[in-house]
């Protein structure tokens, strides 16, 4: 006879199902973008009925919003040197572990207005944090260039899969970029 206490409760089953749907939605949005990901595809990948996906998330837009929650990590701030190293650490992490929430937004931003808005807003927040630490009258432009470089490297590695960037060691990429990022943050002045 099986132990009834070993079975997950209905609430746990619902949470597990919702988490499985979100996990598959993140993966599919990152792989295919917003336009090419369907509720039916998410349901099939999560091994549930499409109606259950709609029950939990009400619409594809809501599913996308929930699947892409989180955004880039906040930088604690500090000196230009500290900001440069924090940025390089964030980049190293993004290169080592594919950031599916961010990739879903990046892949979708050219065709889905909400994804474009999310990408701009996340970039603006990070740019403002970087800009505050740069002692220069062109701090906003420098911060924008840093954001563009970091986004480009992540796109090149994970979405476009540029050779040899796609297979390079994250530490090697960070070391090559370090002088540029330090220069843009004015860390070497």
N, C-alpha and C. Protein backbone atom coordinates (compact mmCIF):
# COMPACT_ATOMS: atom_id res chain seq x y z
N UNK A 1 0.83 -1.17 0.00
CA UNK A 1 0.00 0.00 0.00
C UNK A 1 0.88 1.24 0.00
N UNK A 2 0.57 2.20 -0.82
CA UNK A 2 1.40 3.40 -0.89
C UNK A 2 1.04 4.38 0.21
N UNK A 3 2.03 5.15 0.60
CA UNK A 3 1.88 6.15 1.67
C UNK A 3 1.21 7.40 1.10
N UNK A 4 -0.02 7.76 1.54
CA UNK A 4 -0.70 8.93 0.98
C UNK A 4 0.04 10.24 1.28
N UNK A 5 0.83 10.25 2.34
CA UNK A 5 1.56 11.49 2.66
C UNK A 5 2.72 11.72 1.68
N UNK A 6 3.11 10.69 0.94
CA UNK A 6 4.21 10.82 -0.02
C UNK A 6 3.73 11.51 -1.31
N UNK A 7 2.43 11.52 -1.54
CA UNK A 7 1.89 12.17 -2.74
C UNK A 7 1.86 13.67 -2.56
N UNK A 8 2.18 14.40 -3.63
CA UNK A 8 2.09 15.86 -3.51
C UNK A 8 0.63 16.30 -3.37
N UNK A 9 0.42 17.37 -2.62
CA UNK A 9 -0.93 17.91 -2.47
C UNK A 9 -1.39 18.51 -3.79
N UNK A 10 -2.67 18.82 -3.89
CA UNK A 10 -3.20 19.45 -5.10
C UNK A 10 -2.51 20.79 -5.36
N UNK A 11 -2.27 21.55 -4.30
CA UNK A 11 -1.60 22.84 -4.45
C UNK A 11 -0.18 22.64 -4.98
N UNK A 12 0.52 21.62 -4.47
CA UNK A 12 1.88 21.34 -4.96
C UNK A 12 1.84 20.89 -6.42
N UNK A 13 0.86 20.07 -6.76
CA UNK A 13 0.72 19.63 -8.14
C UNK A 13 0.48 20.82 -9.07
N UNK A 14 -0.37 21.76 -8.63
CA UNK A 14 -0.63 22.96 -9.44
C UNK A 14 0.64 23.78 -9.61
N UNK A 15 1.38 23.98 -8.51
CA UNK A 15 2.64 24.74 -8.59
C UNK A 15 3.64 24.05 -9.51
N UNK A 16 3.73 22.73 -9.41
CA UNK A 16 4.65 21.98 -10.27
C UNK A 16 4.25 22.07 -11.74
N UNK A 17 2.95 21.98 -12.00
CA UNK A 17 2.47 22.10 -13.38
C UNK A 17 2.75 23.49 -13.93
N UNK A 18 2.45 24.51 -13.14
CA UNK A 18 2.71 25.88 -13.57
C UNK A 18 4.20 26.10 -13.83
N UNK A 19 5.05 25.58 -12.96
CA UNK A 19 6.50 25.72 -13.13
C UNK A 19 6.97 24.98 -14.39
N UNK A 20 6.40 23.81 -14.65
CA UNK A 20 6.77 23.06 -15.86
C UNK A 20 6.35 23.82 -17.11
N UNK A 21 5.16 24.39 -17.10
CA UNK A 21 4.70 25.19 -18.24
C UNK A 21 5.61 26.39 -18.44
N UNK A 22 5.94 27.11 -17.36
CA UNK A 22 6.82 28.28 -17.47
C UNK A 22 8.20 27.89 -17.97
N UNK A 23 8.73 26.79 -17.49
CA UNK A 23 10.05 26.34 -17.94
C UNK A 23 10.07 26.05 -19.43
N UNK A 24 9.04 25.38 -19.90
CA UNK A 24 8.98 25.07 -21.34
C UNK A 24 8.72 26.33 -22.16
N UNK A 25 7.89 27.24 -21.63
CA UNK A 25 7.64 28.50 -22.33
C UNK A 25 8.93 29.30 -22.47
N UNK A 26 9.72 29.39 -21.38
CA UNK A 26 11.00 30.11 -21.45
C UNK A 26 11.89 29.53 -22.54
N UNK A 27 12.00 28.21 -22.52
CA UNK A 27 12.85 27.54 -23.51
C UNK A 27 12.36 27.81 -24.93
N UNK A 28 11.07 27.67 -25.16
CA UNK A 28 10.54 27.86 -26.51
C UNK A 28 10.61 29.32 -26.96
N UNK A 29 10.30 30.27 -26.07
CA UNK A 29 10.43 31.68 -26.44
C UNK A 29 11.88 32.01 -26.75
N UNK A 30 12.82 31.44 -26.00
CA UNK A 30 14.24 31.70 -26.25
C UNK A 30 14.69 31.07 -27.57
N UNK A 31 14.17 29.89 -27.89
CA UNK A 31 14.56 29.20 -29.12
C UNK A 31 13.88 29.77 -30.36
N UNK A 32 12.59 30.12 -30.24
CA UNK A 32 11.80 30.45 -31.41
C UNK A 32 11.27 31.87 -31.45
N UNK A 33 11.35 32.59 -30.35
CA UNK A 33 10.80 33.94 -30.30
C UNK A 33 9.31 33.93 -30.02
N UNK A 34 8.78 35.11 -29.81
CA UNK A 34 7.37 35.26 -29.45
C UNK A 34 6.45 34.81 -30.58
N UNK A 35 6.70 35.29 -31.79
CA UNK A 35 5.79 35.03 -32.90
C UNK A 35 5.67 33.55 -33.24
N UNK A 36 6.77 32.82 -33.16
CA UNK A 36 6.76 31.42 -33.59
C UNK A 36 6.46 30.44 -32.45
N UNK A 37 6.31 30.93 -31.24
CA UNK A 37 5.95 30.06 -30.12
C UNK A 37 4.45 30.11 -29.94
N UNK A 38 3.83 28.95 -29.93
CA UNK A 38 2.37 28.88 -29.77
C UNK A 38 2.02 28.28 -28.42
N UNK A 39 0.80 28.56 -27.98
CA UNK A 39 0.29 27.96 -26.75
C UNK A 39 0.30 26.44 -26.89
N UNK A 40 -0.09 25.96 -28.05
CA UNK A 40 -0.12 24.51 -28.30
C UNK A 40 1.28 23.90 -28.17
N UNK A 41 2.30 24.58 -28.70
CA UNK A 41 3.67 24.07 -28.60
C UNK A 41 4.14 24.04 -27.15
N UNK A 42 3.81 25.07 -26.39
CA UNK A 42 4.18 25.10 -24.97
C UNK A 42 3.48 23.96 -24.25
N UNK A 43 2.18 23.78 -24.52
CA UNK A 43 1.43 22.71 -23.87
C UNK A 43 2.01 21.34 -24.21
N UNK A 44 2.34 21.12 -25.46
CA UNK A 44 2.91 19.84 -25.87
C UNK A 44 4.24 19.60 -25.15
N UNK A 45 5.10 20.63 -25.11
CA UNK A 45 6.40 20.49 -24.45
C UNK A 45 6.24 20.24 -22.95
N UNK A 46 5.23 20.84 -22.34
CA UNK A 46 5.00 20.68 -20.90
C UNK A 46 4.14 19.45 -20.59
N UNK A 47 3.68 18.76 -21.65
CA UNK A 47 2.84 17.57 -21.50
C UNK A 47 1.55 17.87 -20.76
N UNK A 48 0.89 18.97 -21.19
CA UNK A 48 -0.41 19.34 -20.64
C UNK A 48 -1.33 19.73 -21.79
N UNK A 49 -2.59 19.89 -21.48
CA UNK A 49 -3.57 20.34 -22.46
C UNK A 49 -3.42 21.85 -22.68
N UNK A 50 -3.57 22.34 -23.93
CA UNK A 50 -3.48 23.79 -24.16
C UNK A 50 -4.45 24.61 -23.31
N UNK A 51 -5.61 24.03 -23.00
CA UNK A 51 -6.57 24.73 -22.15
C UNK A 51 -6.02 24.99 -20.76
N UNK A 52 -5.18 24.09 -20.28
CA UNK A 52 -4.58 24.28 -18.96
C UNK A 52 -3.58 25.44 -18.97
N UNK A 53 -2.84 25.59 -20.07
CA UNK A 53 -1.93 26.74 -20.20
C UNK A 53 -2.74 28.03 -20.14
N UNK A 54 -3.86 28.07 -20.86
CA UNK A 54 -4.71 29.26 -20.85
C UNK A 54 -5.35 29.47 -19.47
N UNK A 55 -5.67 28.39 -18.78
CA UNK A 55 -6.24 28.50 -17.44
C UNK A 55 -5.24 29.19 -16.50
N UNK A 56 -3.99 28.80 -16.56
CA UNK A 56 -2.98 29.38 -15.68
C UNK A 56 -2.56 30.79 -16.09
N UNK A 57 -2.51 31.05 -17.41
CA UNK A 57 -1.89 32.31 -17.87
C UNK A 57 -2.80 33.22 -18.67
N UNK A 58 -4.01 32.79 -18.99
CA UNK A 58 -5.05 33.59 -19.65
C UNK A 58 -4.75 34.00 -21.10
N UNK A 59 -3.49 34.24 -21.45
CA UNK A 59 -3.18 34.65 -22.82
C UNK A 59 -1.71 34.38 -23.10
N UNK A 60 -1.36 34.40 -24.37
CA UNK A 60 0.04 34.24 -24.75
C UNK A 60 0.86 35.41 -24.23
N UNK A 61 0.29 36.61 -24.23
CA UNK A 61 1.00 37.80 -23.73
C UNK A 61 1.34 37.65 -22.25
N UNK A 62 0.38 37.15 -21.47
CA UNK A 62 0.63 36.95 -20.04
C UNK A 62 1.67 35.85 -19.82
N UNK A 63 1.59 34.79 -20.60
CA UNK A 63 2.58 33.71 -20.51
C UNK A 63 3.98 34.26 -20.81
N UNK A 64 4.09 35.07 -21.86
CA UNK A 64 5.38 35.66 -22.21
C UNK A 64 5.88 36.57 -21.09
N UNK A 65 5.00 37.39 -20.55
CA UNK A 65 5.40 38.30 -19.47
C UNK A 65 5.91 37.52 -18.26
N UNK A 66 5.22 36.47 -17.90
CA UNK A 66 5.65 35.66 -16.75
C UNK A 66 6.93 34.89 -17.05
N UNK A 67 7.05 34.40 -18.28
CA UNK A 67 8.23 33.61 -18.65
C UNK A 67 9.49 34.46 -18.72
N UNK A 68 9.33 35.74 -18.93
CA UNK A 68 10.51 36.61 -19.08
C UNK A 68 10.73 37.53 -17.88
N UNK A 69 10.03 37.28 -16.79
CA UNK A 69 10.24 38.09 -15.58
C UNK A 69 11.68 37.95 -15.11
N UNK A 70 12.15 38.97 -14.47
CA UNK A 70 13.47 38.89 -13.87
C UNK A 70 14.40 39.96 -14.38
N UNK A 71 14.64 39.97 -15.66
CA UNK A 71 15.52 40.98 -16.23
C UNK A 71 16.95 40.83 -15.78
N UNK A 72 17.79 41.76 -16.17
CA UNK A 72 19.20 41.67 -15.82
C UNK A 72 19.43 41.96 -14.35
N UNK A 73 20.50 41.40 -13.80
CA UNK A 73 20.77 41.66 -12.38
C UNK A 73 21.14 43.13 -12.16
N UNK A 74 20.75 43.63 -11.02
CA UNK A 74 21.06 45.01 -10.67
C UNK A 74 22.52 45.11 -10.26
N UNK A 75 23.16 46.19 -10.66
CA UNK A 75 24.55 46.43 -10.27
C UNK A 75 24.55 47.23 -8.97
N UNK A 76 25.33 46.81 -8.00
CA UNK A 76 25.30 47.53 -6.73
C UNK A 76 25.95 48.91 -6.80
N UNK A 77 26.68 49.22 -7.83
CA UNK A 77 27.29 50.54 -7.95
C UNK A 77 28.71 50.54 -7.42
N UNK A 78 29.26 51.74 -7.31
CA UNK A 78 30.62 51.87 -6.81
C UNK A 78 31.46 52.71 -7.73
N UNK A 79 32.74 52.50 -7.66
CA UNK A 79 33.70 53.24 -8.48
C UNK A 79 33.65 52.73 -9.91
N UNK A 80 34.23 53.46 -10.85
CA UNK A 80 34.31 52.95 -12.22
C UNK A 80 34.97 51.57 -12.29
N UNK A 81 36.00 51.35 -11.49
CA UNK A 81 36.68 50.05 -11.48
C UNK A 81 35.73 48.94 -11.01
N UNK A 82 34.97 49.23 -9.95
CA UNK A 82 34.03 48.24 -9.43
C UNK A 82 32.91 47.95 -10.43
N UNK A 83 32.39 48.99 -11.06
CA UNK A 83 31.34 48.80 -12.06
C UNK A 83 31.86 47.96 -13.22
N UNK A 84 33.07 48.26 -13.70
CA UNK A 84 33.65 47.48 -14.81
C UNK A 84 33.73 46.01 -14.44
N UNK A 85 34.19 45.70 -13.24
CA UNK A 85 34.32 44.30 -12.83
C UNK A 85 32.95 43.64 -12.62
N UNK A 86 31.98 44.39 -12.10
CA UNK A 86 30.63 43.85 -11.93
C UNK A 86 30.03 43.51 -13.29
N UNK A 87 30.21 44.39 -14.26
CA UNK A 87 29.70 44.15 -15.61
C UNK A 87 30.34 42.91 -16.22
N UNK A 88 31.64 42.79 -16.05
CA UNK A 88 32.35 41.63 -16.60
C UNK A 88 31.92 40.34 -15.91
N UNK A 89 31.62 40.40 -14.61
CA UNK A 89 31.13 39.22 -13.90
C UNK A 89 29.74 38.81 -14.41
N UNK A 90 28.88 39.82 -14.61
CA UNK A 90 27.54 39.53 -15.15
C UNK A 90 27.67 38.91 -16.54
N UNK A 91 28.54 39.47 -17.36
CA UNK A 91 28.74 38.93 -18.71
C UNK A 91 29.24 37.49 -18.63
N UNK A 92 30.22 37.24 -17.78
CA UNK A 92 30.76 35.88 -17.63
C UNK A 92 29.63 34.91 -17.30
N UNK A 93 28.77 35.29 -16.37
CA UNK A 93 27.64 34.43 -16.01
C UNK A 93 26.69 34.20 -17.17
N UNK A 94 26.42 35.24 -17.94
CA UNK A 94 25.52 35.11 -19.09
C UNK A 94 26.13 34.25 -20.19
N UNK A 95 27.43 34.28 -20.31
CA UNK A 95 28.10 33.46 -21.32
C UNK A 95 28.18 31.99 -20.89
N UNK A 96 28.35 31.76 -19.59
CA UNK A 96 28.48 30.40 -19.09
C UNK A 96 27.14 29.69 -19.02
N UNK A 97 26.12 30.37 -18.51
CA UNK A 97 24.79 29.78 -18.35
C UNK A 97 23.82 30.56 -19.22
N UNK A 98 23.30 29.89 -20.22
CA UNK A 98 22.38 30.55 -21.15
C UNK A 98 21.22 31.17 -20.39
N UNK A 99 21.10 32.49 -20.42
CA UNK A 99 20.03 33.18 -19.68
C UNK A 99 18.71 33.14 -20.45
N UNK A 100 17.91 32.07 -20.27
CA UNK A 100 16.74 31.86 -21.11
C UNK A 100 15.72 32.99 -21.05
N UNK A 101 15.53 33.60 -19.87
CA UNK A 101 14.57 34.70 -19.79
C UNK A 101 15.02 35.86 -20.66
N UNK A 102 16.29 36.22 -20.56
CA UNK A 102 16.82 37.31 -21.38
C UNK A 102 16.83 36.95 -22.85
N UNK A 103 17.21 35.71 -23.16
CA UNK A 103 17.25 35.30 -24.57
C UNK A 103 15.86 35.30 -25.19
N UNK A 104 14.84 34.97 -24.41
CA UNK A 104 13.47 35.01 -24.92
C UNK A 104 13.11 36.44 -25.32
N UNK A 105 13.49 37.39 -24.50
CA UNK A 105 13.21 38.80 -24.81
C UNK A 105 14.04 39.24 -26.01
N UNK A 106 15.33 38.91 -26.00
CA UNK A 106 16.21 39.35 -27.10
C UNK A 106 15.78 38.75 -28.44
N UNK A 107 15.41 37.48 -28.45
CA UNK A 107 14.99 36.85 -29.71
C UNK A 107 13.67 37.45 -30.20
N UNK A 108 12.82 37.88 -29.28
CA UNK A 108 11.49 38.35 -29.63
C UNK A 108 11.40 39.85 -29.87
N UNK A 109 12.42 40.60 -29.48
CA UNK A 109 12.31 42.06 -29.46
C UNK A 109 12.13 42.71 -30.83
N UNK A 110 12.50 42.04 -31.89
CA UNK A 110 12.36 42.65 -33.22
C UNK A 110 10.96 42.47 -33.80
N UNK A 111 10.18 41.54 -33.23
CA UNK A 111 8.86 41.29 -33.79
C UNK A 111 7.72 41.50 -32.81
N UNK A 112 8.03 41.65 -31.52
CA UNK A 112 6.98 41.77 -30.52
C UNK A 112 7.19 43.06 -29.72
N UNK A 113 6.26 44.00 -29.80
CA UNK A 113 6.43 45.30 -29.13
C UNK A 113 6.70 45.20 -27.63
N UNK A 114 6.04 44.27 -26.94
CA UNK A 114 6.27 44.14 -25.49
C UNK A 114 7.69 43.68 -25.19
N UNK A 115 8.20 42.78 -26.00
CA UNK A 115 9.59 42.33 -25.81
C UNK A 115 10.55 43.48 -26.10
N UNK A 116 10.27 44.27 -27.12
CA UNK A 116 11.12 45.43 -27.42
C UNK A 116 11.09 46.41 -26.26
N UNK A 117 9.92 46.64 -25.69
CA UNK A 117 9.80 47.53 -24.53
C UNK A 117 10.61 46.99 -23.35
N UNK A 118 10.47 45.68 -23.07
CA UNK A 118 11.22 45.06 -21.98
C UNK A 118 12.72 45.20 -22.18
N UNK A 119 13.19 44.97 -23.41
CA UNK A 119 14.63 45.07 -23.70
C UNK A 119 15.11 46.50 -23.51
N UNK A 120 14.35 47.47 -23.99
CA UNK A 120 14.74 48.88 -23.81
C UNK A 120 14.75 49.27 -22.34
N UNK A 121 13.74 48.84 -21.60
CA UNK A 121 13.65 49.20 -20.19
C UNK A 121 14.79 48.58 -19.38
N UNK A 122 15.07 47.31 -19.62
CA UNK A 122 16.18 46.65 -18.92
C UNK A 122 17.50 47.33 -19.27
N UNK A 123 17.66 47.67 -20.53
CA UNK A 123 18.88 48.35 -20.97
C UNK A 123 18.98 49.74 -20.33
N UNK A 124 17.87 50.44 -20.25
CA UNK A 124 17.87 51.78 -19.64
C UNK A 124 18.26 51.73 -18.17
N UNK A 125 17.70 50.77 -17.45
CA UNK A 125 18.01 50.64 -16.02
C UNK A 125 19.50 50.36 -15.83
N UNK A 126 20.02 49.41 -16.60
CA UNK A 126 21.44 49.09 -16.50
C UNK A 126 22.30 50.28 -16.94
N UNK A 127 21.91 50.92 -18.01
CA UNK A 127 22.66 52.09 -18.52
C UNK A 127 22.70 53.20 -17.47
N UNK A 128 21.58 53.46 -16.80
CA UNK A 128 21.55 54.48 -15.76
C UNK A 128 22.48 54.14 -14.60
N UNK A 129 22.50 52.87 -14.22
CA UNK A 129 23.39 52.43 -13.13
C UNK A 129 24.86 52.62 -13.53
N UNK A 130 25.18 52.27 -14.75
CA UNK A 130 26.56 52.40 -15.22
C UNK A 130 26.94 53.87 -15.32
N UNK A 131 26.05 54.65 -15.89
CA UNK A 131 26.29 56.07 -16.12
C UNK A 131 26.61 56.82 -14.83
N UNK A 132 25.94 56.45 -13.75
CA UNK A 132 26.16 57.12 -12.46
C UNK A 132 27.60 56.99 -11.98
N UNK A 133 28.27 55.91 -12.37
CA UNK A 133 29.63 55.66 -11.87
C UNK A 133 30.71 56.25 -12.78
N UNK A 134 30.34 56.72 -13.95
CA UNK A 134 31.34 57.20 -14.91
C UNK A 134 31.55 58.70 -14.73
N UNK A 135 32.77 59.09 -14.40
CA UNK A 135 33.06 60.51 -14.18
C UNK A 135 33.40 61.22 -15.50
N UNK A 136 32.37 61.47 -16.30
CA UNK A 136 32.62 62.03 -17.62
C UNK A 136 31.34 62.72 -18.09
N UNK A 137 31.48 63.78 -18.88
CA UNK A 137 30.29 64.45 -19.40
C UNK A 137 29.61 63.64 -20.50
N UNK A 138 30.25 62.58 -20.95
CA UNK A 138 29.66 61.67 -21.93
C UNK A 138 29.29 60.33 -21.29
N UNK A 139 28.98 60.36 -20.01
CA UNK A 139 28.70 59.13 -19.26
C UNK A 139 27.53 58.35 -19.87
N UNK A 140 26.48 59.03 -20.29
CA UNK A 140 25.33 58.32 -20.87
C UNK A 140 25.70 57.59 -22.16
N UNK A 141 26.46 58.27 -23.02
CA UNK A 141 26.90 57.64 -24.26
C UNK A 141 27.82 56.47 -23.97
N UNK A 142 28.76 56.64 -23.05
CA UNK A 142 29.67 55.55 -22.69
C UNK A 142 28.88 54.36 -22.14
N UNK A 143 27.91 54.62 -21.28
CA UNK A 143 27.08 53.55 -20.71
C UNK A 143 26.28 52.85 -21.81
N UNK A 144 25.76 53.62 -22.76
CA UNK A 144 25.03 53.02 -23.89
C UNK A 144 25.92 52.13 -24.74
N UNK A 145 27.15 52.55 -24.95
CA UNK A 145 28.09 51.73 -25.72
C UNK A 145 28.41 50.43 -24.98
N UNK A 146 28.59 50.53 -23.67
CA UNK A 146 28.85 49.33 -22.88
C UNK A 146 27.68 48.36 -22.99
N UNK A 147 26.45 48.87 -22.84
CA UNK A 147 25.26 48.01 -22.95
C UNK A 147 25.20 47.35 -24.32
N UNK A 148 25.48 48.12 -25.38
CA UNK A 148 25.43 47.58 -26.74
C UNK A 148 26.46 46.46 -26.93
N UNK A 149 27.65 46.67 -26.40
CA UNK A 149 28.70 45.65 -26.52
C UNK A 149 28.27 44.37 -25.79
N UNK A 150 27.79 44.51 -24.56
CA UNK A 150 27.42 43.33 -23.77
C UNK A 150 26.25 42.58 -24.40
N UNK A 151 25.24 43.33 -24.86
CA UNK A 151 24.11 42.69 -25.54
C UNK A 151 24.58 41.98 -26.80
N UNK A 152 25.44 42.65 -27.55
CA UNK A 152 25.96 42.06 -28.78
C UNK A 152 26.72 40.77 -28.55
N UNK A 153 27.51 40.72 -27.49
CA UNK A 153 28.28 39.51 -27.19
C UNK A 153 27.33 38.37 -26.81
N UNK A 154 26.33 38.65 -25.99
CA UNK A 154 25.37 37.61 -25.60
C UNK A 154 24.57 37.13 -26.82
N UNK A 155 24.11 38.07 -27.64
CA UNK A 155 23.40 37.69 -28.87
C UNK A 155 24.29 36.84 -29.78
N UNK A 156 25.52 37.30 -29.96
CA UNK A 156 26.45 36.58 -30.85
C UNK A 156 26.72 35.17 -30.37
N UNK A 157 26.84 34.99 -29.08
CA UNK A 157 27.15 33.66 -28.54
C UNK A 157 25.94 32.74 -28.55
N UNK A 158 24.82 33.21 -27.99
CA UNK A 158 23.69 32.32 -27.75
C UNK A 158 22.66 32.26 -28.87
N UNK A 159 22.42 33.37 -29.56
CA UNK A 159 21.36 33.37 -30.58
C UNK A 159 21.91 33.22 -32.00
N UNK A 160 22.94 33.98 -32.31
CA UNK A 160 23.50 33.90 -33.66
C UNK A 160 24.51 32.76 -33.76
N UNK A 161 25.12 32.44 -32.62
CA UNK A 161 26.12 31.37 -32.52
C UNK A 161 27.31 31.61 -33.45
N UNK A 162 27.87 32.81 -33.33
CA UNK A 162 29.01 33.19 -34.14
C UNK A 162 30.25 32.37 -33.79
N UNK A 163 30.96 31.92 -34.82
CA UNK A 163 32.24 31.25 -34.60
C UNK A 163 33.29 32.31 -34.43
N UNK A 164 34.25 32.18 -33.60
CA UNK A 164 34.46 31.21 -32.53
C UNK A 164 33.84 31.64 -31.20
N UNK A 165 33.06 32.70 -31.20
CA UNK A 165 32.44 33.21 -29.97
C UNK A 165 31.56 32.17 -29.29
N UNK A 166 30.85 31.39 -30.08
CA UNK A 166 29.90 30.42 -29.52
C UNK A 166 30.58 29.37 -28.65
N UNK A 167 31.84 29.04 -28.97
CA UNK A 167 32.52 27.97 -28.24
C UNK A 167 33.65 28.47 -27.34
N UNK A 168 33.88 29.78 -27.33
CA UNK A 168 34.99 30.32 -26.55
C UNK A 168 34.72 30.21 -25.05
N UNK A 169 35.78 30.10 -24.29
CA UNK A 169 35.69 30.06 -22.84
C UNK A 169 35.23 31.44 -22.35
N UNK A 170 34.21 31.49 -21.48
CA UNK A 170 33.73 32.78 -20.98
C UNK A 170 34.83 33.62 -20.34
N UNK A 171 35.75 32.99 -19.61
CA UNK A 171 36.85 33.74 -18.99
C UNK A 171 37.74 34.39 -20.05
N UNK A 172 37.96 33.70 -21.15
CA UNK A 172 38.79 34.26 -22.23
C UNK A 172 38.10 35.47 -22.85
N UNK A 173 36.80 35.38 -23.08
CA UNK A 173 36.05 36.50 -23.65
C UNK A 173 36.12 37.71 -22.71
N UNK A 174 35.91 37.45 -21.41
CA UNK A 174 35.95 38.53 -20.42
C UNK A 174 37.33 39.19 -20.40
N UNK A 175 38.38 38.40 -20.45
CA UNK A 175 39.73 38.97 -20.42
C UNK A 175 40.01 39.83 -21.64
N UNK A 176 39.52 39.41 -22.80
CA UNK A 176 39.72 40.19 -24.02
C UNK A 176 38.93 41.50 -23.95
N UNK A 177 37.72 41.45 -23.37
CA UNK A 177 36.89 42.65 -23.27
C UNK A 177 37.27 43.58 -22.13
N UNK A 178 37.97 43.07 -21.13
CA UNK A 178 38.28 43.87 -19.93
C UNK A 178 38.87 45.24 -20.27
N UNK A 179 39.91 45.36 -21.11
CA UNK A 179 40.46 46.70 -21.38
C UNK A 179 39.42 47.66 -21.99
N UNK A 180 38.57 47.14 -22.86
CA UNK A 180 37.55 47.99 -23.50
C UNK A 180 36.52 48.48 -22.49
N UNK A 181 36.05 47.58 -21.65
CA UNK A 181 35.04 47.95 -20.66
C UNK A 181 35.65 48.91 -19.64
N UNK A 182 36.87 48.64 -19.22
CA UNK A 182 37.53 49.55 -18.26
C UNK A 182 37.74 50.92 -18.90
N UNK A 183 38.08 50.95 -20.16
CA UNK A 183 38.27 52.23 -20.84
C UNK A 183 36.95 52.99 -20.94
N UNK A 184 35.86 52.31 -21.29
CA UNK A 184 34.57 52.96 -21.42
C UNK A 184 34.03 53.45 -20.09
N UNK A 185 34.36 52.76 -19.00
CA UNK A 185 33.90 53.21 -17.68
C UNK A 185 34.84 54.25 -17.08
N UNK A 186 35.94 54.51 -17.78
CA UNK A 186 36.97 55.44 -17.30
C UNK A 186 37.70 54.87 -16.09
N UNK A 187 37.68 53.55 -15.93
CA UNK A 187 38.35 52.90 -14.80
C UNK A 187 39.86 53.05 -14.88
N UNK A 188 40.40 53.24 -16.06
CA UNK A 188 41.84 53.34 -16.21
C UNK A 188 42.35 54.78 -16.24
N UNK A 189 41.48 55.76 -16.00
CA UNK A 189 41.94 57.14 -16.00
C UNK A 189 42.62 57.51 -14.70
